[in-house]
């Protein structure tokens, strides 16, 4: 007998995704929704977190935007233990990833040059800043530079031209490359907040 859940992932329409996101933000678990819609928990999680973010970026009028933002803030508030006012000053989140796992989330306040971190891994070698619990802005810039081509690399002008940059900027380089390095499975996902 064939497994009903094998094969291609089910593709939901935008209206279905909006409905799923609203239900999830109202307290329904990923498992409950997966069972109701006949997909795996992983597939449902993918739609709630990844596809919803793509919809939000592609259409600012989409009803998923508001619900997605509320769900996002609830999760950040739980992980970072910050008030809504404290969270509002952060304009980006950088997730240091290994495969599908988040190792460290970094909230970024560009205006005041401050960051706040939450480590999902307890092993210092898997954390973005190692044993540092309160990294500085300079630590953050250094972390990004470590995930970029070195400043001293030969033919830097050609490399920057490939990145469509006029000068060495670790923020822009990481944005273009995802902070991926040769022979290293770790990378950086960047989310804009309230942009």
C-alpha atoms as a PDB file:
ATOM      1  CA  UNK A   1       0.000   0.000   0.000  1.00  0.00           C
ATOM      2  CA  UNK A   2       1.360   3.416  -0.958  1.00  0.00           C
ATOM      3  CA  UNK A   3       2.067   6.016   1.710  1.00  0.00           C
ATOM      4  CA  UNK A   4      -0.364   8.918   1.274  1.00  0.00           C
ATOM      5  CA  UNK A   5       2.182  11.448   2.500  1.00  0.00           C
ATOM      6  CA  UNK A   6       5.014  10.458   0.149  1.00  0.00           C
ATOM      7  CA  UNK A   7       5.862  12.383  -2.989  1.00  0.00           C
ATOM      8  CA  UNK A   8       5.623  16.129  -3.608  1.00  0.00           C
ATOM      9  CA  UNK A   9       4.664  18.516  -0.861  1.00  0.00           C
ATOM     10  CA  UNK A  10       1.124  19.789  -1.139  1.00  0.00           C
ATOM     11  CA  UNK A  11       0.969  23.326  -2.522  1.00  0.00           C
ATOM     12  CA  UNK A  12      -1.395  25.679  -0.737  1.00  0.00           C
ATOM     13  CA  UNK A  13      -2.887  28.793  -2.292  1.00  0.00           C
ATOM     14  CA  UNK A  14      -2.159  32.180  -0.682  1.00  0.00           C
ATOM     15  CA  UNK A  15      -5.664  32.296   0.838  1.00  0.00           C
ATOM     16  CA  UNK A  16      -5.063  28.903   2.480  1.00  0.00           C
ATOM     17  CA  UNK A  17      -1.693  30.063   3.816  1.00  0.00           C
ATOM     18  CA  UNK A  18      -3.267  33.220   5.249  1.00  0.00           C
ATOM     19  CA  UNK A  19      -5.923  31.094   6.969  1.00  0.00           C
ATOM     20  CA  UNK A  20      -3.291  28.695   8.349  1.00  0.00           C
ATOM     21  CA  UNK A  21      -1.190  31.571   9.693  1.00  0.00           C
ATOM     22  CA  UNK A  22      -4.205  33.157  11.392  1.00  0.00           C
ATOM     23  CA  UNK A  23      -5.158  29.842  12.979  1.00  0.00           C
ATOM     24  CA  UNK A  24      -1.579  29.311  14.160  1.00  0.00           C
ATOM     25  CA  UNK A  25      -1.392  32.822  15.656  1.00  0.00           C
ATOM     26  CA  UNK A  26      -4.687  32.091  17.479  1.00  0.00           C
ATOM     27  CA  UNK A  27      -3.049  29.185  19.287  1.00  0.00           C
ATOM     28  CA  UNK A  28      -3.462  26.141  17.046  1.00  0.00           C
ATOM     29  CA  UNK A  29      -0.335  24.014  17.027  1.00  0.00           C
ATOM     30  CA  UNK A  30       1.655  23.089  13.939  1.00  0.00           C
ATOM     31  CA  UNK A  31       0.770  19.425  14.595  1.00  0.00           C
ATOM     32  CA  UNK A  32      -2.981  20.142  14.724  1.00  0.00           C
ATOM     33  CA  UNK A  33      -2.859  22.122  11.499  1.00  0.00           C
ATOM     34  CA  UNK A  34      -0.714  19.499   9.759  1.00  0.00           C
ATOM     35  CA  UNK A  35      -3.206  16.791  10.654  1.00  0.00           C
ATOM     36  CA  UNK A  36      -6.174  18.892   9.510  1.00  0.00           C
ATOM     37  CA  UNK A  37      -4.581  19.778   6.164  1.00  0.00           C
ATOM     38  CA  UNK A  38      -3.130  16.302   5.569  1.00  0.00           C
ATOM     39  CA  UNK A  39       0.560  17.206   5.466  1.00  0.00           C
ATOM     40  CA  UNK A  40       3.565  16.447   7.642  1.00  0.00           C
ATOM     41  CA  UNK A  41       4.461  18.656  10.602  1.00  0.00           C
ATOM     42  CA  UNK A  42       7.640  19.737   8.767  1.00  0.00           C
ATOM     43  CA  UNK A  43       5.660  20.782   5.695  1.00  0.00           C
ATOM     44  CA  UNK A  44       3.194  22.762   7.797  1.00  0.00           C
ATOM     45  CA  UNK A  45       6.057  24.454   9.656  1.00  0.00           C
ATOM     46  CA  UNK A  46       7.616  25.317   6.292  1.00  0.00           C
ATOM     47  CA  UNK A  47       4.400  27.028   5.160  1.00  0.00           C
ATOM     48  CA  UNK A  48       3.903  28.883   8.438  1.00  0.00           C
ATOM     49  CA  UNK A  49       7.448  30.186   8.683  1.00  0.00           C
ATOM     50  CA  UNK A  50       9.093  30.242   5.251  1.00  0.00           C
ATOM     51  CA  UNK A  51       6.292  30.680   2.710  1.00  0.00           C
ATOM     52  CA  UNK A  52       4.521  33.244   4.895  1.00  0.00           C
ATOM     53  CA  UNK A  53       7.710  35.313   5.050  1.00  0.00           C
ATOM     54  CA  UNK A  54       7.983  35.226   1.239  1.00  0.00           C
ATOM     55  CA  UNK A  55       4.345  36.332   0.908  1.00  0.00           C
ATOM     56  CA  UNK A  56       4.974  39.137   3.372  1.00  0.00           C
ATOM     57  CA  UNK A  57       7.956  40.417   1.385  1.00  0.00           C
ATOM     58  CA  UNK A  58       6.210  40.132  -1.984  1.00  0.00           C
ATOM     59  CA  UNK A  59       2.957  41.847  -1.020  1.00  0.00           C
ATOM     60  CA  UNK A  60       2.806  44.331   1.823  1.00  0.00           C
ATOM     61  CA  UNK A  61      -1.015  44.427   1.630  1.00  0.00           C
ATOM     62  CA  UNK A  62      -1.281  40.690   2.213  1.00  0.00           C
ATOM     63  CA  UNK A  63      -3.320  39.828   5.305  1.00  0.00           C
ATOM     64  CA  UNK A  64      -0.583  37.388   6.263  1.00  0.00           C
ATOM     65  CA  UNK A  65       1.712  40.335   7.024  1.00  0.00           C
ATOM     66  CA  UNK A  66       0.029  41.518  10.188  1.00  0.00           C
ATOM     67  CA  UNK A  67      -0.547  38.026  11.531  1.00  0.00           C
ATOM     68  CA  UNK A  68       2.994  36.976  10.637  1.00  0.00           C
ATOM     69  CA  UNK A  69       4.413  40.035  12.396  1.00  0.00           C
ATOM     70  CA  UNK A  70       2.346  39.351  15.535  1.00  0.00           C
ATOM     71  CA  UNK A  71       3.482  35.704  15.603  1.00  0.00           C
ATOM     72  CA  UNK A  72       7.063  36.798  15.002  1.00  0.00           C
ATOM     73  CA  UNK A  73       7.006  39.312  17.888  1.00  0.00           C
ATOM     74  CA  UNK A  74       5.461  36.746  20.244  1.00  0.00           C
ATOM     75  CA  UNK A  75       8.275  34.313  19.449  1.00  0.00           C
ATOM     76  CA  UNK A  76      10.984  36.962  19.854  1.00  0.00           C
ATOM     77  CA  UNK A  77       9.485  38.143  23.121  1.00  0.00           C
ATOM     78  CA  UNK A  78       9.547  34.549  24.409  1.00  0.00           C
ATOM     79  CA  UNK A  79      13.125  33.835  23.282  1.00  0.00           C
ATOM     80  CA  UNK A  80      14.733  37.176  24.132  1.00  0.00           C
ATOM     81  CA  UNK A  81      12.580  38.117  27.135  1.00  0.00           C
ATOM     82  CA  UNK A  82      12.305  41.740  25.947  1.00  0.00           C
ATOM     83  CA  UNK A  83       9.359  44.114  26.135  1.00  0.00           C
ATOM     84  CA  UNK A  84       7.569  45.219  22.961  1.00  0.00           C
ATOM     85  CA  UNK A  85       9.175  48.649  23.368  1.00  0.00           C
ATOM     86  CA  UNK A  86      12.657  47.119  23.648  1.00  0.00           C
ATOM     87  CA  UNK A  87      12.029  44.898  20.618  1.00  0.00           C
ATOM     88  CA  UNK A  88      10.784  47.825  18.503  1.00  0.00           C
ATOM     89  CA  UNK A  89      14.248  49.389  18.228  1.00  0.00           C
ATOM     90  CA  UNK A  90      15.649  46.353  16.403  1.00  0.00           C
ATOM     91  CA  UNK A  91      15.368  46.541  12.609  1.00  0.00           C
ATOM     92  CA  UNK A  92      16.886  43.206  11.579  1.00  0.00           C
ATOM     93  CA  UNK A  93      17.444  39.693  12.798  1.00  0.00           C
ATOM     94  CA  UNK A  94      20.463  37.684  11.686  1.00  0.00           C
ATOM     95  CA  UNK A  95      20.107  33.929  12.261  1.00  0.00           C
ATOM     96  CA  UNK A  96      23.388  32.012  12.333  1.00  0.00           C
ATOM     97  CA  UNK A  97      22.388  28.653  10.849  1.00  0.00           C
ATOM     98  CA  UNK A  98      23.676  25.107  10.454  1.00  0.00           C
ATOM     99  CA  UNK A  99      21.448  23.346   7.950  1.00  0.00           C
ATOM    100  CA  UNK A 100      17.888  24.012   9.138  1.00  0.00           C
ATOM    101  CA  UNK A 101      18.942  24.647  12.742  1.00  0.00           C
ATOM    102  CA  UNK A 102      19.344  28.125  14.201  1.00  0.00           C
ATOM    103  CA  UNK A 103      22.508  28.277  16.294  1.00  0.00           C
ATOM    104  CA  UNK A 104      22.277  31.951  17.334  1.00  0.00           C
ATOM    105  CA  UNK A 105      19.705  34.680  16.665  1.00  0.00           C
ATOM    106  CA  UNK A 106      21.053  38.222  16.621  1.00  0.00           C
ATOM    107  CA  UNK A 107      18.723  41.231  16.896  1.00  0.00           C
ATOM    108  CA  UNK A 108      20.320  44.315  15.324  1.00  0.00           C
ATOM    109  CA  UNK A 109      19.755  47.969  16.250  1.00  0.00           C
ATOM    110  CA  UNK A 110      21.602  49.855  13.501  1.00  0.00           C
ATOM    111  CA  UNK A 111      20.767  53.294  14.858  1.00  0.00           C
ATOM    112  CA  UNK A 112      22.400  52.752  18.266  1.00  0.00           C
ATOM    113  CA  UNK A 113      24.864  50.107  17.007  1.00  0.00           C
ATOM    114  CA  UNK A 114      23.692  47.511  19.502  1.00  0.00           C
ATOM    115  CA  UNK A 115      22.826  43.835  19.309  1.00  0.00           C
ATOM    116  CA  UNK A 116      21.045  41.331  21.504  1.00  0.00           C
ATOM    117  CA  UNK A 117      21.578  37.597  21.056  1.00  0.00           C
ATOM    118  CA  UNK A 118      19.858  34.346  21.884  1.00  0.00           C
ATOM    119  CA  UNK A 119      21.848  31.095  21.588  1.00  0.00           C
ATOM    120  CA  UNK A 120      19.816  28.040  20.634  1.00  0.00           C
ATOM    121  CA  UNK A 121      22.898  25.835  20.994  1.00  0.00           C
ATOM    122  CA  UNK A 122      24.562  25.383  24.371  1.00  0.00           C
ATOM    123  CA  UNK A 123      27.918  24.461  22.809  1.00  0.00           C
ATOM    124  CA  UNK A 124      30.202  27.548  22.534  1.00  0.00           C
ATOM    125  CA  UNK A 125      31.771  26.235  19.310  1.00  0.00           C
ATOM    126  CA  UNK A 126      28.332  26.375  17.661  1.00  0.00           C
ATOM    127  CA  UNK A 127      27.457  29.844  18.925  1.00  0.00           C
ATOM    128  CA  UNK A 128      28.096  32.940  16.819  1.00  0.00           C
ATOM    129  CA  UNK A 129      30.128  34.624  19.563  1.00  0.00           C
ATOM    130  CA  UNK A 130      31.518  31.607  21.400  1.00  0.00           C
ATOM    131  CA  UNK A 131      31.496  32.103  25.185  1.00  0.00           C
ATOM    132  CA  UNK A 132      30.589  35.821  24.983  1.00  0.00           C
ATOM    133  CA  UNK A 133      27.114  36.361  26.387  1.00  0.00           C
ATOM    134  CA  UNK A 134      26.969  40.159  25.764  1.00  0.00           C
ATOM    135  CA  UNK A 135      28.856  40.803  22.512  1.00  0.00           C
ATOM    136  CA  UNK A 136      29.518  44.391  21.448  1.00  0.00           C
ATOM    137  CA  UNK A 137      28.853  46.049  18.097  1.00  0.00           C
ATOM    138  CA  UNK A 138      32.542  45.559  17.240  1.00  0.00           C
ATOM    139  CA  UNK A 139      32.171  41.844  18.025  1.00  0.00           C
ATOM    140  CA  UNK A 140      29.207  41.736  15.640  1.00  0.00           C
ATOM    141  CA  UNK A 141      31.104  43.489  12.840  1.00  0.00           C
ATOM    142  CA  UNK A 142      34.042  41.129  13.455  1.00  0.00           C
ATOM    143  CA  UNK A 143      31.710  38.128  13.271  1.00  0.00           C
ATOM    144  CA  UNK A 144      30.369  39.345   9.902  1.00  0.00           C
ATOM    145  CA  UNK A 145      33.898  39.975   8.599  1.00  0.00           C
ATOM    146  CA  UNK A 146      34.830  36.420   9.604  1.00  0.00           C
ATOM    147  CA  UNK A 147      31.958  35.239   7.363  1.00  0.00           C
ATOM    148  CA  UNK A 148      33.270  37.301   4.386  1.00  0.00           C
ATOM    149  CA  UNK A 149      36.133  37.211   1.982  1.00  0.00           C
ATOM    150  CA  UNK A 150      39.144  38.749   3.827  1.00  0.00           C
ATOM    151  CA  UNK A 151      39.838  42.462   3.243  1.00  0.00           C
ATOM    152  CA  UNK A 152      43.411  41.636   2.240  1.00  0.00           C
ATOM    153  CA  UNK A 153      42.424  39.193  -0.515  1.00  0.00           C
ATOM    154  CA  UNK A 154      44.239  39.693  -3.826  1.00  0.00           C
ATOM    155  CA  UNK A 155      42.148  41.237  -6.592  1.00  0.00           C
ATOM    156  CA  UNK A 156      39.668  42.692  -4.100  1.00  0.00           C
ATOM    157  CA  UNK A 157      38.439  45.253  -6.645  1.00  0.00           C
ATOM    158  CA  UNK A 158      37.331  42.430  -8.946  1.00  0.00           C
ATOM    159  CA  UNK A 159      35.627  40.599  -6.099  1.00  0.00           C
ATOM    160  CA  UNK A 160      33.790  43.749  -5.012  1.00  0.00           C
ATOM    161  CA  UNK A 161      32.753  44.374  -8.604  1.00  0.00           C
ATOM    162  CA  UNK A 162      31.250  40.861  -8.706  1.00  0.00           C
ATOM    163  CA  UNK A 163      29.280  41.749  -5.569  1.00  0.00           C
ATOM    164  CA  UNK A 164      28.293  45.075  -7.183  1.00  0.00           C
ATOM    165  CA  UNK A 165      29.959  47.019  -4.353  1.00  0.00           C
ATOM    166  CA  UNK A 166      32.202  50.096  -4.460  1.00  0.00           C
ATOM    167  CA  UNK A 167      33.933  49.391  -1.144  1.00  0.00           C
ATOM    168  CA  UNK A 168      34.448  46.618   1.389  1.00  0.00           C
ATOM    169  CA  UNK A 169      31.246  46.368   3.462  1.00  0.00           C
ATOM    170  CA  UNK A 170      30.784  43.195   5.550  1.00  0.00           C
ATOM    171  CA  UNK A 171      27.036  43.886   5.955  1.00  0.00           C
ATOM    172  CA  UNK A 172      26.490  44.058   2.189  1.00  0.00           C
ATOM    173  CA  UNK A 173      28.795  41.107   1.479  1.00  0.00           C
ATOM    174  CA  UNK A 174      27.003  38.864   4.001  1.00  0.00           C
ATOM    175  CA  UNK A 175      23.664  39.978   2.570  1.00  0.00           C
ATOM    176  CA  UNK A 176      24.788  38.890  -0.912  1.00  0.00           C
ATOM    177  CA  UNK A 177      26.569  35.652   0.106  1.00  0.00           C
ATOM    178  CA  UNK A 178      24.563  34.550   3.134  1.00  0.00           C
ATOM    179  CA  UNK A 179      27.859  34.463   5.008  1.00  0.00           C
ATOM    180  CA  UNK A 180      28.665  31.117   3.381  1.00  0.00           C
ATOM    181  CA  UNK A 181      32.267  29.986   3.495  1.00  0.00           C
ATOM    182  CA  UNK A 182      34.046  27.189   1.610  1.00  0.00           C
ATOM    183  CA  UNK A 183      33.930  23.845   3.447  1.00  0.00           C
ATOM    184  CA  UNK A 184      31.633  25.253   6.155  1.00  0.00           C
ATOM    185  CA  UNK A 185      27.948  24.366   6.363  1.00  0.00           C
ATOM    186  CA  UNK A 186      27.080  27.384   8.512  1.00  0.00           C
ATOM    187  CA  UNK A 187      25.447  30.465   6.989  1.00  0.00           C
ATOM    188  CA  UNK A 188      23.416  33.558   7.941  1.00  0.00           C
ATOM    189  CA  UNK A 189      19.736  34.248   7.220  1.00  0.00           C
ATOM    190  CA  UNK A 190      18.738  37.892   7.405  1.00  0.00           C
ATOM    191  CA  UNK A 191      15.213  39.095   8.210  1.00  0.00           C
ATOM    192  CA  UNK A 192      14.192  42.743   8.070  1.00  0.00           C
ATOM    193  CA  UNK A 193      11.861  43.828  10.862  1.00  0.00           C
ATOM    194  CA  UNK A 194       9.251  46.477  10.191  1.00  0.00           C
ATOM    195  CA  UNK A 195      10.962  47.513   6.965  1.00  0.00           C
END
